[in-house]
Amino acid sequence: MIILGIDPGLAIVGYGVIEYRSPKFNTLAHGAILTPSHTKVENRLEEIYDKLSEIIAMYKPDAVAIEELFFNTNQKTVISVAEARGCILLCCKKNSVPIFEYTPLQVKQSVVGYGRAEKKQVIHMVKLLLKLEKAPKLDDTCDALAIAICHANCSNSRIRNYFNS
């Protein structure tokens, strides 16, 4: 199974593409879609859509795993992230890739084994599970890989399969 993990944002969209053949992971690609802050929002969304479409066309994922929107105190940030997230969901839908959503708590639980794990614990486990020489430079990229790992772990769950049938 090829999984595209996405950490949504307007300035930075982290992505990670992994192949999962239980119990082994193979990292196919990871990185970030960066959009400049001085650009109009609609142009930034178009850039996210176009680049994500290219990634989907290149790797042909069987599933997209995306982090659910987490609301913090900065309302301006949450609105722009929600706009980007909507654009990402539309792109996946238009490219006929099934979408699965996970909370930050679910991702941490799946990757580290503890839902309140700290960022450096998640980074360490992503590096370890994917056998990466070094952790990705951007936290958003590491988060996207963690989301993909979470989906790999959850997709084989009997509970998940029971509720999705």
Protein backbone atom coordinates (compact mmCIF):
# COMPACT_ATOMS: atom_id res chain seq x y z
CA MET A 1 0.00 0.00 0.00
CA ILE A 2 1.31 3.46 -0.89
CA ILE A 3 0.28 6.17 1.54
CA LEU A 4 0.59 9.93 1.14
CA GLY A 5 0.69 11.65 4.51
CA ILE A 6 -0.11 15.36 4.61
CA ASP A 7 0.37 17.99 7.30
CA PRO A 8 -1.79 20.85 5.98
CA GLY A 9 -0.88 24.52 6.05
CA LEU A 10 -0.90 27.57 3.82
CA ALA A 11 2.77 28.53 4.08
CA ILE A 12 4.04 24.96 4.41
CA VAL A 13 2.31 21.74 3.40
CA GLY A 14 4.38 18.85 4.67
CA TYR A 15 4.11 15.61 2.72
CA GLY A 16 5.50 12.12 3.04
CA VAL A 17 5.02 9.17 0.73
CA ILE A 18 5.62 5.72 2.15
CA GLU A 19 5.07 2.19 0.96
CA TYR A 20 3.81 -0.15 3.64
CA ARG A 21 3.99 -3.92 3.39
CA SER A 22 3.28 -5.16 6.89
CA PRO A 23 5.41 -4.90 8.94
CA LYS A 24 7.91 -3.00 6.74
CA PHE A 25 8.01 0.64 5.71
CA ASN A 26 9.78 2.07 2.67
CA THR A 27 10.10 5.84 2.28
CA LEU A 28 9.45 6.90 -1.31
CA ALA A 29 9.55 10.69 -0.90
CA HIS A 30 9.13 13.48 1.59
CA GLY A 31 9.29 17.23 1.52
CA ALA A 32 7.18 20.35 1.65
CA ILE A 33 5.17 22.56 -0.63
CA LEU A 34 6.17 26.11 0.25
CA THR A 35 4.13 29.16 -0.70
CA PRO A 36 5.48 32.70 -0.30
CA SER A 37 3.65 34.92 2.19
CA HIS A 38 3.62 37.96 -0.12
CA THR A 39 1.50 36.06 -2.67
CA LYS A 40 -2.31 36.30 -2.87
CA VAL A 41 -4.10 33.51 -1.01
CA GLU A 42 -5.83 32.23 -4.14
CA ASN A 43 -2.47 31.91 -5.90
CA ARG A 44 -1.01 30.06 -2.93
CA LEU A 45 -3.96 27.65 -2.92
CA GLU A 46 -3.55 27.07 -6.64
CA GLU A 47 0.14 26.29 -6.13
CA ILE A 48 -0.70 23.80 -3.37
CA TYR A 49 -3.33 22.15 -5.58
CA ASP A 50 -1.03 21.92 -8.61
CA LYS A 51 2.00 20.59 -6.74
CA LEU A 52 -0.05 18.10 -4.78
CA SER A 53 -1.64 16.89 -8.03
CA GLU A 54 1.88 16.30 -9.39
CA ILE A 55 2.85 14.30 -6.29
CA ILE A 56 -0.32 12.20 -6.57
CA ALA A 57 0.30 11.58 -10.29
CA MET A 58 3.90 10.58 -9.62
CA TYR A 59 3.37 8.18 -6.70
CA LYS A 60 -0.24 7.05 -7.26
CA PRO A 61 -1.07 6.60 -3.57
CA ASP A 62 -3.70 4.10 -2.47
CA ALA A 63 -4.67 6.43 0.38
CA VAL A 64 -4.12 9.94 1.67
CA ALA A 65 -3.82 10.43 5.41
CA ILE A 66 -4.26 14.00 6.60
CA GLU A 67 -4.19 15.61 10.00
CA GLU A 68 -7.50 16.93 11.26
CA LEU A 69 -7.64 20.65 11.88
CA PHE A 70 -6.34 21.58 15.31
CA PHE A 71 -7.69 24.89 16.60
CA ASN A 72 -5.33 27.05 18.59
CA THR A 73 -5.77 30.61 19.83
CA ASN A 74 -4.72 32.31 16.57
CA GLN A 75 -7.96 32.59 14.58
CA LYS A 76 -6.26 34.09 11.53
CA THR A 77 -3.95 31.09 11.27
CA VAL A 78 -6.74 28.55 11.67
CA ILE A 79 -8.74 30.13 8.84
CA SER A 80 -5.81 30.06 6.40
CA VAL A 81 -4.95 26.47 7.37
CA ALA A 82 -8.62 25.51 6.91
CA GLU A 83 -8.60 27.06 3.43
CA ALA A 84 -5.45 25.14 2.51
CA ARG A 85 -6.86 21.95 4.02
CA GLY A 86 -10.03 22.34 1.93
CA CYS A 87 -7.91 22.79 -1.18
CA ILE A 88 -5.94 19.64 -0.29
CA LEU A 89 -9.10 17.59 0.31
CA LEU A 90 -10.54 18.76 -3.02
CA CYS A 91 -7.31 17.86 -4.82
CA CYS A 92 -7.34 14.35 -3.35
CA LYS A 93 -11.03 13.91 -4.18
CA LYS A 94 -10.55 15.13 -7.78
CA ASN A 95 -7.63 12.68 -8.13
CA SER A 96 -9.79 9.81 -6.78
CA VAL A 97 -7.60 9.03 -3.78
CA PRO A 98 -9.41 7.86 -0.62
CA ILE A 99 -8.93 10.27 2.31
CA PHE A 100 -8.43 9.29 5.95
CA GLU A 101 -8.23 11.84 8.77
CA TYR A 102 -6.40 11.55 12.08
CA THR A 103 -6.13 13.76 15.15
CA PRO A 104 -2.69 14.73 16.50
CA LEU A 105 -3.45 12.52 19.51
CA GLN A 106 -4.11 9.48 17.26
CA VAL A 107 -0.91 10.11 15.30
CA LYS A 108 1.24 10.33 18.44
CA GLN A 109 -0.43 7.25 19.94
CA SER A 110 0.19 5.25 16.78
CA VAL A 111 3.79 6.34 16.19
CA VAL A 112 5.13 6.71 19.74
CA GLY A 113 2.64 4.69 21.77
CA TYR A 114 1.65 7.71 23.86
CA GLY A 115 -0.90 10.29 22.73
CA ARG A 116 0.73 13.16 24.61
CA ALA A 117 4.24 12.49 23.28
CA GLU A 118 6.52 15.44 22.65
CA LYS A 119 7.61 16.56 19.20
CA LYS A 120 11.16 15.20 19.59
CA GLN A 121 9.80 11.75 20.51
CA VAL A 122 7.71 11.70 17.31
CA ILE A 123 10.71 12.82 15.25
CA HIS A 124 12.88 10.09 16.79
CA MET A 125 10.31 7.36 16.11
CA VAL A 126 9.70 8.51 12.51
CA LYS A 127 13.45 8.38 11.90
CA LEU A 128 13.68 4.94 13.52
CA LEU A 129 10.61 3.35 11.88
CA LEU A 130 11.49 4.62 8.41
CA LYS A 131 15.22 3.92 8.84
CA LEU A 132 16.13 7.47 7.81
CA GLU A 133 19.75 8.59 8.15
CA LYS A 134 18.58 11.89 9.58
CA ALA A 135 15.26 13.42 10.47
CA PRO A 136 13.58 15.66 7.88
CA LYS A 137 14.60 19.30 8.19
CA LEU A 138 11.06 20.66 8.58
CA ASP A 139 8.72 19.57 11.38
CA ASP A 140 5.83 19.69 8.89
CA THR A 141 7.52 17.03 6.76
CA CYS A 142 8.19 14.84 9.78
CA ASP A 143 4.56 15.26 10.87
CA ALA A 144 3.37 14.20 7.40
CA LEU A 145 5.49 11.04 7.59
CA ALA A 146 4.09 10.36 11.07
CA ILE A 147 0.54 10.73 9.71
CA ALA A 148 1.34 8.23 6.93
CA ILE A 149 2.76 5.79 9.51
CA CYS A 150 -0.37 6.25 11.60
CA HIS A 151 -2.55 5.30 8.65
CA ALA A 152 -0.39 2.26 7.91
CA ASN A 153 -0.78 1.11 11.50
CA CYS A 154 -4.52 1.83 11.59
CA SER A 155 -5.40 0.48 8.13
CA ASN A 156 -4.76 -3.09 9.30
CA SER A 157 -6.77 -2.64 12.46
CA ARG A 158 -9.69 -5.04 12.78
CA ILE A 159 -11.64 -2.32 14.56
CA ARG A 160 -11.13 0.15 11.69
CA ASN A 161 -12.08 -2.50 9.12
CA TYR A 162 -15.20 -3.40 11.13
CA PHE A 163 -16.44 0.21 11.24
CA ASN A 164 -15.62 0.86 7.55
CA SER A 165 -17.56 -2.16 6.26
